[in-house]
Amino acid sequence: MAQPVPQAVPQAAAQAVAQPVVQPAPRSRTVPARTGAGRRTAPASGAEPAWGRPKAPKVARAASRDEVGWVKAHGGSGATSLAELFGGVEVGARWPDPARGEPRRVVLVGRTSARGLRSVSQALGALDGGDAPQGLELLGVVLVADAPGRLPLGLLRRVRVLRSVARVHRVPWIPAWRTGGSPRSVPRQLATLARLVGADIHGEGAAS
């Protein structure tokens, strides 16, 4: 009998606890309307400050309701490069609000460093804990390589935790992005991501 699909981001993912989870990850998630006080995820010891609370966020309006919003889990995540490559709206380090004309379909972007994976977990915790606007559809999480080569085992374990609660796409190290250029050939991972967001690869990649 098939295992049930998880309906919410568990406490372990919000804290990036490196333990395997056997439940399958959903292809996309939609934040439903909530009644009463939303649940809150307790931060891990030594966690970074609350995510996604800028003092005066600039409205990132979408050209259409279905335009994709690229959400940064942290600065330098690679969201700018992906937005320029695929199109869509770069939202910043917060969840957008569809009620203000911002994208409802979103992709969360972070690096594969320890800090990047921790920030991704924190953002997912905010999404599950009621600290995100209603009606968002999380298409997936994109993890951009923070360096060439294979990930250390400890970081791979954190990636597995994220895979247990969201659809994760990994983008390899692209040297051209580091110098503000565009790759001569498109890695297959980017072609897969293009199909996910329903876009054609265009423009020149620029480091974010």
N, C-alpha and C. Protein backbone atom coordinates (compact mmCIF):
# COMPACT_ATOMS: atom_id res chain seq x y z
N MET A 1 0.85 -1.20 0.00
CA MET A 1 0.00 0.00 0.00
C MET A 1 0.88 1.24 0.00
N ALA A 2 0.55 2.21 -0.82
CA ALA A 2 1.37 3.44 -0.94
C ALA A 2 1.32 4.24 0.33
N GLN A 3 2.44 4.83 0.67
CA GLN A 3 2.52 5.68 1.85
C GLN A 3 1.77 6.98 1.62
N PRO A 4 1.14 7.55 2.64
CA PRO A 4 0.43 8.83 2.46
C PRO A 4 1.38 9.95 2.18
N VAL A 5 0.98 10.92 1.36
CA VAL A 5 1.79 12.08 1.03
C VAL A 5 1.77 13.03 2.20
N PRO A 6 2.93 13.52 2.68
CA PRO A 6 2.92 14.45 3.81
C PRO A 6 2.23 15.74 3.46
N GLN A 7 1.44 16.27 4.38
CA GLN A 7 0.67 17.48 4.14
C GLN A 7 1.33 18.74 4.67
N ALA A 8 2.34 18.61 5.51
CA ALA A 8 2.96 19.80 6.08
C ALA A 8 4.43 19.55 6.29
N VAL A 9 5.22 20.59 6.35
CA VAL A 9 6.65 20.49 6.60
C VAL A 9 6.86 20.12 8.05
N PRO A 10 7.50 18.98 8.35
CA PRO A 10 7.66 18.57 9.74
C PRO A 10 8.66 19.41 10.48
N GLN A 11 8.65 19.27 11.84
CA GLN A 11 9.58 20.01 12.69
C GLN A 11 11.01 19.73 12.31
N ALA A 12 11.29 18.46 11.94
CA ALA A 12 12.68 18.09 11.62
C ALA A 12 13.22 18.88 10.46
N ALA A 13 12.40 19.13 9.45
CA ALA A 13 12.89 19.86 8.28
C ALA A 13 13.16 21.30 8.62
N ALA A 14 12.34 21.92 9.46
CA ALA A 14 12.55 23.31 9.84
C ALA A 14 13.87 23.48 10.55
N GLN A 15 14.32 22.40 11.25
CA GLN A 15 15.58 22.47 11.99
C GLN A 15 16.72 21.83 11.22
N ALA A 16 16.45 21.34 10.00
CA ALA A 16 17.45 20.68 9.16
C ALA A 16 18.13 19.54 9.88
N VAL A 17 17.35 18.68 10.56
CA VAL A 17 17.90 17.53 11.25
C VAL A 17 18.24 16.48 10.23
N ALA A 18 19.42 15.99 10.25
CA ALA A 18 19.88 15.07 9.21
C ALA A 18 19.45 13.65 9.52
N GLN A 19 18.17 13.34 9.36
CA GLN A 19 17.66 12.00 9.52
C GLN A 19 16.83 11.65 8.31
N PRO A 20 16.94 10.42 7.80
CA PRO A 20 16.16 10.06 6.61
C PRO A 20 14.68 9.96 6.91
N VAL A 21 13.85 10.32 5.92
CA VAL A 21 12.40 10.23 6.04
C VAL A 21 11.91 9.39 4.88
N VAL A 22 11.04 8.41 5.14
CA VAL A 22 10.66 7.47 4.11
C VAL A 22 9.43 7.90 3.33
N GLN A 23 8.72 8.94 3.77
CA GLN A 23 7.54 9.36 3.05
C GLN A 23 7.92 10.07 1.76
N PRO A 24 7.16 9.87 0.67
CA PRO A 24 7.48 10.53 -0.61
C PRO A 24 7.20 12.00 -0.57
N ALA A 25 7.98 12.77 -1.37
CA ALA A 25 7.81 14.22 -1.42
C ALA A 25 6.72 14.58 -2.41
N PRO A 26 5.88 15.57 -2.08
CA PRO A 26 4.86 16.00 -3.03
C PRO A 26 5.48 16.77 -4.17
N ARG A 27 4.83 16.76 -5.34
CA ARG A 27 5.35 17.47 -6.50
C ARG A 27 5.19 18.96 -6.35
N SER A 28 4.13 19.39 -5.72
CA SER A 28 3.94 20.81 -5.45
C SER A 28 3.06 20.94 -4.23
N ARG A 29 3.10 22.09 -3.59
CA ARG A 29 2.33 22.31 -2.37
C ARG A 29 1.61 23.63 -2.47
N THR A 30 0.39 23.65 -1.98
CA THR A 30 -0.40 24.87 -1.97
C THR A 30 -0.72 25.22 -0.53
N VAL A 31 -0.51 26.49 -0.17
CA VAL A 31 -0.81 26.94 1.18
C VAL A 31 -2.29 27.25 1.27
N PRO A 32 -3.07 26.48 2.05
CA PRO A 32 -4.51 26.73 2.14
C PRO A 32 -4.83 27.89 3.05
N ALA A 33 -6.09 28.34 2.99
CA ALA A 33 -6.54 29.37 3.92
C ALA A 33 -6.53 28.78 5.32
N ARG A 34 -6.13 29.57 6.30
CA ARG A 34 -6.03 29.11 7.68
C ARG A 34 -7.04 29.84 8.54
N THR A 35 -7.55 29.13 9.53
CA THR A 35 -8.45 29.75 10.50
C THR A 35 -7.78 29.75 11.85
N GLY A 36 -7.97 30.82 12.59
CA GLY A 36 -7.34 30.92 13.89
C GLY A 36 -5.86 31.18 13.77
N ALA A 37 -5.15 30.97 14.85
CA ALA A 37 -3.70 31.23 14.85
C ALA A 37 -2.98 30.10 14.15
N GLY A 38 -2.07 30.44 13.26
CA GLY A 38 -1.29 29.44 12.54
C GLY A 38 -0.28 28.80 13.46
N ARG A 39 0.09 27.56 13.13
CA ARG A 39 1.07 26.88 13.94
C ARG A 39 2.43 27.49 13.73
N ARG A 40 3.26 27.48 14.74
CA ARG A 40 4.61 28.02 14.66
C ARG A 40 5.62 26.91 14.89
N THR A 41 6.70 26.97 14.16
CA THR A 41 7.77 26.00 14.32
C THR A 41 8.85 26.59 15.19
N ALA A 42 9.17 25.91 16.27
CA ALA A 42 10.17 26.43 17.19
C ALA A 42 11.53 26.41 16.53
N PRO A 43 12.29 27.51 16.62
CA PRO A 43 13.60 27.54 15.97
C PRO A 43 14.59 26.64 16.66
N ALA A 44 15.52 26.12 15.90
CA ALA A 44 16.57 25.29 16.48
C ALA A 44 17.53 26.16 17.28
N SER A 45 18.25 25.51 18.18
CA SER A 45 19.23 26.24 18.97
C SER A 45 20.29 26.82 18.06
N GLY A 46 20.56 28.11 18.18
CA GLY A 46 21.55 28.76 17.34
C GLY A 46 21.05 29.10 15.96
N ALA A 47 19.72 29.03 15.76
CA ALA A 47 19.17 29.32 14.44
C ALA A 47 19.30 30.79 14.10
N GLU A 48 19.21 31.10 12.80
CA GLU A 48 19.31 32.48 12.36
C GLU A 48 18.04 33.23 12.71
N PRO A 49 18.04 34.57 12.69
CA PRO A 49 16.85 35.35 13.00
C PRO A 49 15.69 35.00 12.09
N ALA A 50 14.47 35.42 12.48
CA ALA A 50 13.26 35.11 11.72
C ALA A 50 13.43 35.47 10.26
N TRP A 51 13.01 34.57 9.40
CA TRP A 51 13.22 34.72 7.95
C TRP A 51 12.04 35.43 7.32
N GLY A 52 12.32 36.23 6.29
CA GLY A 52 11.27 36.79 5.46
C GLY A 52 10.49 37.93 6.06
N ARG A 53 11.11 38.76 6.87
CA ARG A 53 10.41 39.88 7.49
C ARG A 53 11.11 41.21 7.22
N PRO A 54 11.23 41.63 5.96
CA PRO A 54 11.83 42.94 5.68
C PRO A 54 10.92 44.06 6.19
N LYS A 55 11.51 45.20 6.54
CA LYS A 55 10.73 46.30 7.09
C LYS A 55 9.75 46.87 6.06
N ALA A 56 10.19 47.09 4.85
CA ALA A 56 9.32 47.67 3.82
C ALA A 56 9.61 46.97 2.50
N PRO A 57 9.08 45.74 2.32
CA PRO A 57 9.37 45.01 1.09
C PRO A 57 8.79 45.68 -0.14
N LYS A 58 9.56 45.70 -1.20
CA LYS A 58 9.09 46.24 -2.47
C LYS A 58 8.17 45.22 -3.13
N VAL A 59 7.01 45.67 -3.59
CA VAL A 59 6.05 44.75 -4.21
C VAL A 59 6.62 44.20 -5.51
N ALA A 60 6.64 42.88 -5.63
CA ALA A 60 7.15 42.22 -6.82
C ALA A 60 5.95 41.76 -7.65
N ARG A 61 5.37 42.65 -8.43
CA ARG A 61 4.14 42.33 -9.16
C ARG A 61 4.45 41.41 -10.35
N ALA A 62 3.53 40.48 -10.57
CA ALA A 62 3.67 39.55 -11.68
C ALA A 62 2.89 40.06 -12.88
N ALA A 63 3.39 39.73 -14.08
CA ALA A 63 2.70 40.13 -15.30
C ALA A 63 1.41 39.35 -15.48
N SER A 64 1.36 38.14 -14.92
CA SER A 64 0.15 37.33 -14.97
C SER A 64 0.06 36.52 -13.69
N ARG A 65 -1.11 35.96 -13.44
CA ARG A 65 -1.33 35.21 -12.21
C ARG A 65 -0.42 34.00 -12.11
N ASP A 66 -0.07 33.42 -13.25
CA ASP A 66 0.72 32.19 -13.24
C ASP A 66 2.22 32.42 -13.44
N GLU A 67 2.66 33.66 -13.48
CA GLU A 67 4.10 33.92 -13.61
C GLU A 67 4.82 33.43 -12.36
N VAL A 68 5.97 32.82 -12.55
CA VAL A 68 6.71 32.21 -11.45
C VAL A 68 7.47 33.26 -10.65
N GLY A 69 7.43 33.13 -9.34
CA GLY A 69 8.21 33.98 -8.45
C GLY A 69 9.40 33.21 -7.89
N TRP A 70 10.59 33.80 -8.01
CA TRP A 70 11.81 33.17 -7.51
C TRP A 70 12.12 33.77 -6.14
N VAL A 71 12.08 32.94 -5.12
CA VAL A 71 12.25 33.38 -3.73
C VAL A 71 13.65 33.03 -3.24
N LYS A 72 14.37 34.01 -2.73
CA LYS A 72 15.71 33.77 -2.19
C LYS A 72 15.61 33.25 -0.76
N ALA A 73 16.26 32.14 -0.49
CA ALA A 73 16.36 31.69 0.89
C ALA A 73 17.39 32.53 1.64
N HIS A 74 18.31 33.15 0.90
CA HIS A 74 19.36 33.97 1.48
C HIS A 74 20.01 34.77 0.37
N GLY A 75 20.81 35.75 0.71
CA GLY A 75 21.53 36.51 -0.30
C GLY A 75 22.53 35.65 -1.03
N GLY A 76 22.69 35.88 -2.34
CA GLY A 76 23.62 35.11 -3.13
C GLY A 76 23.16 33.70 -3.42
N SER A 77 21.85 33.47 -3.36
CA SER A 77 21.32 32.12 -3.55
C SER A 77 21.40 31.64 -5.00
N GLY A 78 21.42 32.57 -5.94
CA GLY A 78 21.36 32.21 -7.35
C GLY A 78 20.01 32.50 -7.97
N ALA A 79 19.07 33.05 -7.19
CA ALA A 79 17.73 33.35 -7.70
C ALA A 79 17.75 34.37 -8.84
N THR A 80 18.66 35.35 -8.76
CA THR A 80 18.76 36.35 -9.82
C THR A 80 19.16 35.70 -11.14
N SER A 81 20.13 34.83 -11.10
CA SER A 81 20.57 34.13 -12.31
C SER A 81 19.44 33.32 -12.91
N LEU A 82 18.68 32.62 -12.08
CA LEU A 82 17.60 31.78 -12.57
C LEU A 82 16.45 32.61 -13.12
N ALA A 83 16.14 33.74 -12.48
CA ALA A 83 15.08 34.60 -12.97
C ALA A 83 15.44 35.20 -14.32
N GLU A 84 16.71 35.57 -14.50
CA GLU A 84 17.13 36.12 -15.79
C GLU A 84 17.19 35.05 -16.87
N LEU A 85 17.44 33.82 -16.47
CA LEU A 85 17.54 32.73 -17.43
C LEU A 85 16.17 32.22 -17.87
N PHE A 86 15.24 32.11 -16.91
CA PHE A 86 13.94 31.53 -17.18
C PHE A 86 12.81 32.55 -17.28
N GLY A 87 13.05 33.78 -16.85
CA GLY A 87 11.96 34.75 -16.76
C GLY A 87 11.24 34.61 -15.43
N GLY A 88 10.22 35.43 -15.25
CA GLY A 88 9.51 35.42 -13.98
C GLY A 88 9.91 36.61 -13.13
N VAL A 89 9.56 36.55 -11.86
CA VAL A 89 9.75 37.67 -10.94
C VAL A 89 10.67 37.25 -9.80
N GLU A 90 11.71 38.03 -9.57
CA GLU A 90 12.54 37.80 -8.39
C GLU A 90 11.89 38.51 -7.21
N VAL A 91 11.49 37.76 -6.21
CA VAL A 91 10.71 38.29 -5.10
C VAL A 91 11.60 38.86 -4.00
N GLY A 92 12.71 38.20 -3.72
CA GLY A 92 13.54 38.58 -2.59
C GLY A 92 13.49 37.50 -1.53
N ALA A 93 13.99 37.80 -0.35
CA ALA A 93 14.06 36.83 0.74
C ALA A 93 12.79 36.86 1.59
N ARG A 94 11.67 36.55 0.95
CA ARG A 94 10.38 36.49 1.65
C ARG A 94 9.40 35.76 0.75
N TRP A 95 8.27 35.32 1.32
CA TRP A 95 7.22 34.72 0.53
C TRP A 95 6.34 35.83 -0.05
N PRO A 96 6.00 35.77 -1.34
CA PRO A 96 5.18 36.82 -1.96
C PRO A 96 3.72 36.73 -1.52
N ASP A 97 2.97 37.79 -1.77
CA ASP A 97 1.56 37.86 -1.39
C ASP A 97 0.71 37.97 -2.66
N PRO A 98 0.04 36.89 -3.07
CA PRO A 98 -0.79 36.96 -4.28
C PRO A 98 -1.88 38.02 -4.21
N ALA A 99 -2.34 38.35 -3.02
CA ALA A 99 -3.39 39.36 -2.88
C ALA A 99 -2.92 40.74 -3.33
N ARG A 100 -1.61 40.95 -3.39
CA ARG A 100 -1.05 42.24 -3.84
C ARG A 100 -0.57 42.18 -5.29
N GLY A 101 -0.95 41.14 -6.00
CA GLY A 101 -0.53 41.00 -7.39
C GLY A 101 0.81 40.34 -7.55
N GLU A 102 1.36 39.77 -6.49
CA GLU A 102 2.63 39.07 -6.57
C GLU A 102 2.40 37.61 -6.99
N PRO A 103 3.44 36.93 -7.46
CA PRO A 103 3.26 35.57 -7.96
C PRO A 103 2.71 34.62 -6.90
N ARG A 104 1.85 33.71 -7.34
CA ARG A 104 1.34 32.68 -6.44
C ARG A 104 2.12 31.38 -6.60
N ARG A 105 2.70 31.17 -7.79
CA ARG A 105 3.53 29.99 -8.05
C ARG A 105 4.98 30.36 -7.79
N VAL A 106 5.61 29.68 -6.83
CA VAL A 106 6.93 30.10 -6.39
C VAL A 106 7.92 28.95 -6.37
N VAL A 107 9.19 29.32 -6.51
CA VAL A 107 10.30 28.39 -6.39
C VAL A 107 11.26 28.98 -5.37
N LEU A 108 11.63 28.19 -4.38
CA LEU A 108 12.57 28.62 -3.34
C LEU A 108 13.98 28.23 -3.76
N VAL A 109 14.91 29.19 -3.68
CA VAL A 109 16.28 28.96 -4.18
C VAL A 109 17.29 29.17 -3.05
N GLY A 110 18.21 28.24 -2.93
CA GLY A 110 19.28 28.36 -1.94
C GLY A 110 20.53 27.65 -2.40
N ARG A 111 21.64 27.92 -1.76
CA ARG A 111 22.90 27.25 -2.08
C ARG A 111 23.03 25.96 -1.28
N THR A 112 23.96 25.11 -1.71
CA THR A 112 24.16 23.82 -1.04
C THR A 112 25.15 23.91 0.11
N SER A 113 25.54 25.10 0.52
CA SER A 113 26.39 25.27 1.70
C SER A 113 25.57 25.01 2.95
N ALA A 114 26.23 24.85 4.08
CA ALA A 114 25.52 24.64 5.35
C ALA A 114 24.59 25.81 5.64
N ARG A 115 25.07 27.03 5.42
CA ARG A 115 24.24 28.21 5.65
C ARG A 115 23.04 28.23 4.70
N GLY A 116 23.29 27.89 3.43
CA GLY A 116 22.21 27.90 2.46
C GLY A 116 21.13 26.89 2.78
N LEU A 117 21.52 25.67 3.14
CA LEU A 117 20.54 24.64 3.47
C LEU A 117 19.77 24.99 4.74
N ARG A 118 20.47 25.61 5.69
CA ARG A 118 19.79 26.05 6.92
C ARG A 118 18.75 27.12 6.60
N SER A 119 19.08 28.03 5.69
CA SER A 119 18.15 29.09 5.32
C SER A 119 16.93 28.53 4.57
N VAL A 120 17.16 27.54 3.72
CA VAL A 120 16.05 26.90 3.02
C VAL A 120 15.11 26.25 4.02
N SER A 121 15.67 25.53 5.00
CA SER A 121 14.84 24.90 6.03
C SER A 121 14.05 25.93 6.81
N GLN A 122 14.68 27.06 7.10
CA GLN A 122 14.00 28.12 7.85
C GLN A 122 12.84 28.70 7.03
N ALA A 123 13.05 28.88 5.73
CA ALA A 123 11.98 29.40 4.88
C ALA A 123 10.82 28.42 4.78
N LEU A 124 11.11 27.13 4.66
CA LEU A 124 10.06 26.13 4.61
C LEU A 124 9.30 26.07 5.94
N GLY A 125 10.04 26.28 7.03
CA GLY A 125 9.38 26.31 8.33
C GLY A 125 8.41 27.47 8.45
N ALA A 126 8.79 28.62 7.87
CA ALA A 126 7.89 29.78 7.89
C ALA A 126 6.66 29.51 7.04
N LEU A 127 6.84 28.80 5.93
CA LEU A 127 5.72 28.47 5.05
C LEU A 127 4.73 27.56 5.76
N ASP A 128 5.25 26.57 6.47
CA ASP A 128 4.39 25.63 7.17
C ASP A 128 3.81 26.22 8.45
N GLY A 129 4.53 27.15 9.06
CA GLY A 129 4.12 27.67 10.36
C GLY A 129 3.10 28.79 10.31
N GLY A 130 2.59 29.13 9.14
CA GLY A 130 1.58 30.18 9.05
C GLY A 130 2.16 31.56 8.84
N ASP A 131 3.46 31.67 8.62
CA ASP A 131 4.09 32.97 8.40
C ASP A 131 4.23 33.30 6.92
N ALA A 132 3.33 32.78 6.10
CA ALA A 132 3.35 33.06 4.66
C ALA A 132 1.93 33.40 4.21
N PRO A 133 1.79 34.24 3.18
CA PRO A 133 0.46 34.58 2.67
C PRO A 133 -0.28 33.34 2.17
N GLN A 134 -1.59 33.43 2.12
CA GLN A 134 -2.40 32.31 1.68
C GLN A 134 -2.37 32.18 0.16
N GLY A 135 -2.58 30.95 -0.31
CA GLY A 135 -2.73 30.70 -1.73
C GLY A 135 -1.46 30.46 -2.50
N LEU A 136 -0.32 30.34 -1.83
CA LEU A 136 0.94 30.09 -2.53
C LEU A 136 1.04 28.63 -2.96
N GLU A 137 1.62 28.42 -4.13
CA GLU A 137 1.91 27.07 -4.62
C GLU A 137 3.41 26.92 -4.77
N LEU A 138 4.00 26.10 -3.92
CA LEU A 138 5.44 25.86 -3.98
C LEU A 138 5.73 24.79 -5.04
N LEU A 139 6.30 25.22 -6.16
CA LEU A 139 6.62 24.29 -7.23
C LEU A 139 7.79 23.39 -6.86
N GLY A 140 8.70 23.91 -6.10
CA GLY A 140 9.86 23.13 -5.70
C GLY A 140 10.93 23.99 -5.07
N VAL A 141 11.98 23.32 -4.64
CA VAL A 141 13.17 23.96 -4.06
C VAL A 141 14.34 23.72 -5.01
N VAL A 142 15.06 24.78 -5.33
CA VAL A 142 16.24 24.66 -6.19
C VAL A 142 17.48 24.89 -5.34
N LEU A 143 18.38 23.92 -5.35
CA LEU A 143 19.64 24.03 -4.62
C LEU A 143 20.77 24.20 -5.63
N VAL A 144 21.38 25.38 -5.60
CA VAL A 144 22.46 25.71 -6.53
C VAL A 144 23.79 25.37 -5.88
N ALA A 145 24.65 24.66 -6.58
CA ALA A 145 25.94 24.25 -6.02
C ALA A 145 26.74 25.47 -5.55
N ASP A 146 27.30 25.38 -4.36
CA ASP A 146 28.10 26.48 -3.82
C ASP A 146 29.57 26.34 -4.17
N ALA A 147 29.94 25.20 -4.76
CA ALA A 147 31.34 24.96 -5.15
C ALA A 147 31.35 23.76 -6.09
N PRO A 148 32.40 23.64 -6.92
CA PRO A 148 32.49 22.45 -7.78
C PRO A 148 32.76 21.19 -6.95
N GLY A 149 32.42 20.05 -7.52
CA GLY A 149 32.69 18.79 -6.83
C GLY A 149 31.49 18.27 -6.06
N ARG A 150 31.69 17.13 -5.43
CA ARG A 150 30.63 16.48 -4.68
C ARG A 150 30.40 17.14 -3.32
N LEU A 151 29.17 17.00 -2.84
CA LEU A 151 28.85 17.53 -1.51
C LEU A 151 29.39 16.59 -0.43
N PRO A 152 29.85 17.14 0.70
CA PRO A 152 30.21 16.30 1.84
C PRO A 152 28.99 15.54 2.34
N LEU A 153 29.21 14.43 3.01
CA LEU A 153 28.13 13.56 3.47
C LEU A 153 27.15 14.30 4.37
N GLY A 154 27.67 15.16 5.24
CA GLY A 154 26.79 15.88 6.16
C GLY A 154 25.80 16.77 5.43
N LEU A 155 26.25 17.41 4.35
CA LEU A 155 25.36 18.27 3.57
C LEU A 155 24.38 17.43 2.74
N LEU A 156 24.83 16.28 2.25
CA LEU A 156 23.94 15.40 1.52
C LEU A 156 22.78 14.93 2.40
N ARG A 157 23.07 14.69 3.65
CA ARG A 157 22.01 14.26 4.57
C ARG A 157 20.97 15.36 4.75
N ARG A 158 21.42 16.60 4.79
CA ARG A 158 20.47 17.71 4.91
C ARG A 158 19.61 17.83 3.65
N VAL A 159 20.23 17.58 2.50
CA VAL A 159 19.46 17.61 1.25
C VAL A 159 18.39 16.53 1.27
N ARG A 160 18.70 15.36 1.80
CA ARG A 160 17.72 14.28 1.87
C ARG A 160 16.53 14.66 2.74
N VAL A 161 16.78 15.38 3.81
CA VAL A 161 15.69 15.84 4.66
C VAL A 161 14.77 16.76 3.87
N LEU A 162 15.36 17.68 3.11
CA LEU A 162 14.56 18.60 2.31
C LEU A 162 13.77 17.84 1.25
N ARG A 163 14.36 16.80 0.67
CA ARG A 163 13.65 16.00 -0.33
C ARG A 163 12.43 15.30 0.26
N SER A 164 12.43 15.06 1.56
CA SER A 164 11.31 14.36 2.18
C SER A 164 10.07 15.25 2.30
N VAL A 165 10.24 16.56 2.15
CA VAL A 165 9.10 17.46 2.36
C VAL A 165 8.81 18.36 1.16
N ALA A 166 9.67 18.35 0.15
CA ALA A 166 9.45 19.21 -1.02
C ALA A 166 10.18 18.61 -2.22
N ARG A 167 9.77 19.03 -3.39
CA ARG A 167 10.44 18.60 -4.61
C ARG A 167 11.72 19.41 -4.76
N VAL A 168 12.85 18.75 -4.80
CA VAL A 168 14.16 19.41 -4.81
C VAL A 168 14.84 19.20 -6.15
N HIS A 169 15.35 20.31 -6.73
CA HIS A 169 16.14 20.26 -7.96
C HIS A 169 17.52 20.80 -7.64
N ARG A 170 18.55 20.06 -8.01
CA ARG A 170 19.91 20.53 -7.78
C ARG A 170 20.51 21.04 -9.09
N VAL A 171 21.13 22.20 -9.01
CA VAL A 171 21.79 22.81 -10.16
C VAL A 171 23.30 22.74 -9.92
N PRO A 172 24.07 22.20 -10.87
CA PRO A 172 25.51 22.05 -10.67
C PRO A 172 26.24 23.38 -10.68
N TRP A 173 27.50 23.32 -10.30
CA TRP A 173 28.36 24.51 -10.32
C TRP A 173 28.54 24.98 -11.75
N ILE A 174 28.22 26.25 -12.00
CA ILE A 174 28.35 26.84 -13.34
C ILE A 174 29.36 27.98 -13.26
N PRO A 175 30.62 27.77 -13.69
CA PRO A 175 31.67 28.79 -13.55
C PRO A 175 31.30 30.12 -14.20
N ALA A 176 30.57 30.09 -15.32
CA ALA A 176 30.24 31.33 -16.02
C ALA A 176 29.42 32.28 -15.15
N TRP A 177 28.58 31.74 -14.28
CA TRP A 177 27.76 32.60 -13.41
C TRP A 177 28.63 33.38 -12.43
N ARG A 178 29.75 32.78 -12.06
CA ARG A 178 30.63 33.43 -11.09
C ARG A 178 31.23 34.71 -11.65
N THR A 179 31.46 34.74 -12.96
CA THR A 179 32.06 35.91 -13.60
C THR A 179 31.05 36.78 -14.33
N GLY A 180 29.76 36.49 -14.13
CA GLY A 180 28.72 37.32 -14.73
C GLY A 180 28.40 36.97 -16.17
N GLY A 181 28.82 35.80 -16.63
CA GLY A 181 28.54 35.38 -18.00
C GLY A 181 27.42 34.37 -18.06
N SER A 182 27.25 33.76 -19.24
CA SER A 182 26.24 32.73 -19.42
C SER A 182 26.93 31.44 -19.84
N PRO A 183 26.40 30.28 -19.43
CA PRO A 183 27.05 29.01 -19.78
C PRO A 183 27.00 28.75 -21.28
N ARG A 184 28.08 28.17 -21.83
CA ARG A 184 28.13 27.84 -23.26
C ARG A 184 27.18 26.71 -23.60
N SER A 185 27.02 25.79 -22.67
CA SER A 185 26.07 24.69 -22.86
C SER A 185 25.16 24.63 -21.63
N VAL A 186 23.92 24.24 -21.84
CA VAL A 186 22.94 24.21 -20.76
C VAL A 186 22.95 22.85 -20.08
N PRO A 187 23.27 22.79 -18.80
CA PRO A 187 23.22 21.50 -18.09
C PRO A 187 21.81 20.92 -18.12
N ARG A 188 21.72 19.60 -18.12
CA ARG A 188 20.41 18.96 -18.20
C ARG A 188 19.54 19.32 -17.01
N GLN A 189 20.17 19.62 -15.87
CA GLN A 189 19.37 20.01 -14.70
C GLN A 189 18.60 21.30 -14.96
N LEU A 190 19.18 22.22 -15.75
CA LEU A 190 18.47 23.46 -16.07
C LEU A 190 17.34 23.20 -17.04
N ALA A 191 17.53 22.24 -17.95
CA ALA A 191 16.44 21.90 -18.87
C ALA A 191 15.27 21.30 -18.12
N THR A 192 15.56 20.47 -17.11
CA THR A 192 14.50 19.89 -16.29
C THR A 192 13.76 20.98 -15.52
N LEU A 193 14.51 21.95 -15.00
CA LEU A 193 13.91 23.05 -14.26
C LEU A 193 13.04 23.91 -15.17
N ALA A 194 13.47 24.10 -16.42
CA ALA A 194 12.69 24.88 -17.38
C ALA A 194 11.32 24.24 -17.60
N ARG A 195 11.29 22.92 -17.68
CA ARG A 195 10.01 22.23 -17.86
C ARG A 195 9.13 22.40 -16.62
N LEU A 196 9.74 22.39 -15.44
CA LEU A 196 8.97 22.55 -14.21
C LEU A 196 8.23 23.88 -14.16
N VAL A 197 8.92 24.95 -14.53
CA VAL A 197 8.32 26.28 -14.44
C VAL A 197 7.62 26.69 -15.73
N GLY A 198 7.67 25.82 -16.75
CA GLY A 198 6.99 26.13 -18.00
C GLY A 198 7.60 27.28 -18.75
N ALA A 199 8.94 27.30 -18.83
CA ALA A 199 9.62 28.42 -19.47
C ALA A 199 10.68 27.92 -20.44
N ASP A 200 11.06 28.80 -21.35
CA ASP A 200 12.18 28.55 -22.24
C ASP A 200 13.41 29.26 -21.66
N ILE A 201 14.56 28.62 -21.79
CA ILE A 201 15.79 29.25 -21.32
C ILE A 201 16.14 30.39 -22.24
N HIS A 202 16.30 31.60 -21.65
CA HIS A 202 16.63 32.76 -22.46
C HIS A 202 17.47 33.73 -21.64
N GLY A 203 18.01 34.71 -22.30
CA GLY A 203 18.79 35.74 -21.61
C GLY A 203 20.16 35.22 -21.21
N GLU A 204 20.93 36.09 -20.58
CA GLU A 204 22.25 35.72 -20.12
C GLU A 204 22.25 35.63 -18.61
N GLY A 205 22.77 34.53 -18.10
CA GLY A 205 22.82 34.35 -16.65
C GLY A 205 23.73 35.37 -16.02
N ALA A 206 23.31 35.90 -14.89
CA ALA A 206 24.14 36.85 -14.15
C ALA A 206 24.18 36.42 -12.70
N ALA A 207 25.33 36.53 -12.10
CA ALA A 207 25.46 36.10 -10.70
C ALA A 207 24.57 36.96 -9.82
N SER A 208 23.97 36.33 -8.81
CA SER A 208 23.09 37.06 -7.89
C SER A 208 23.79 37.33 -6.58
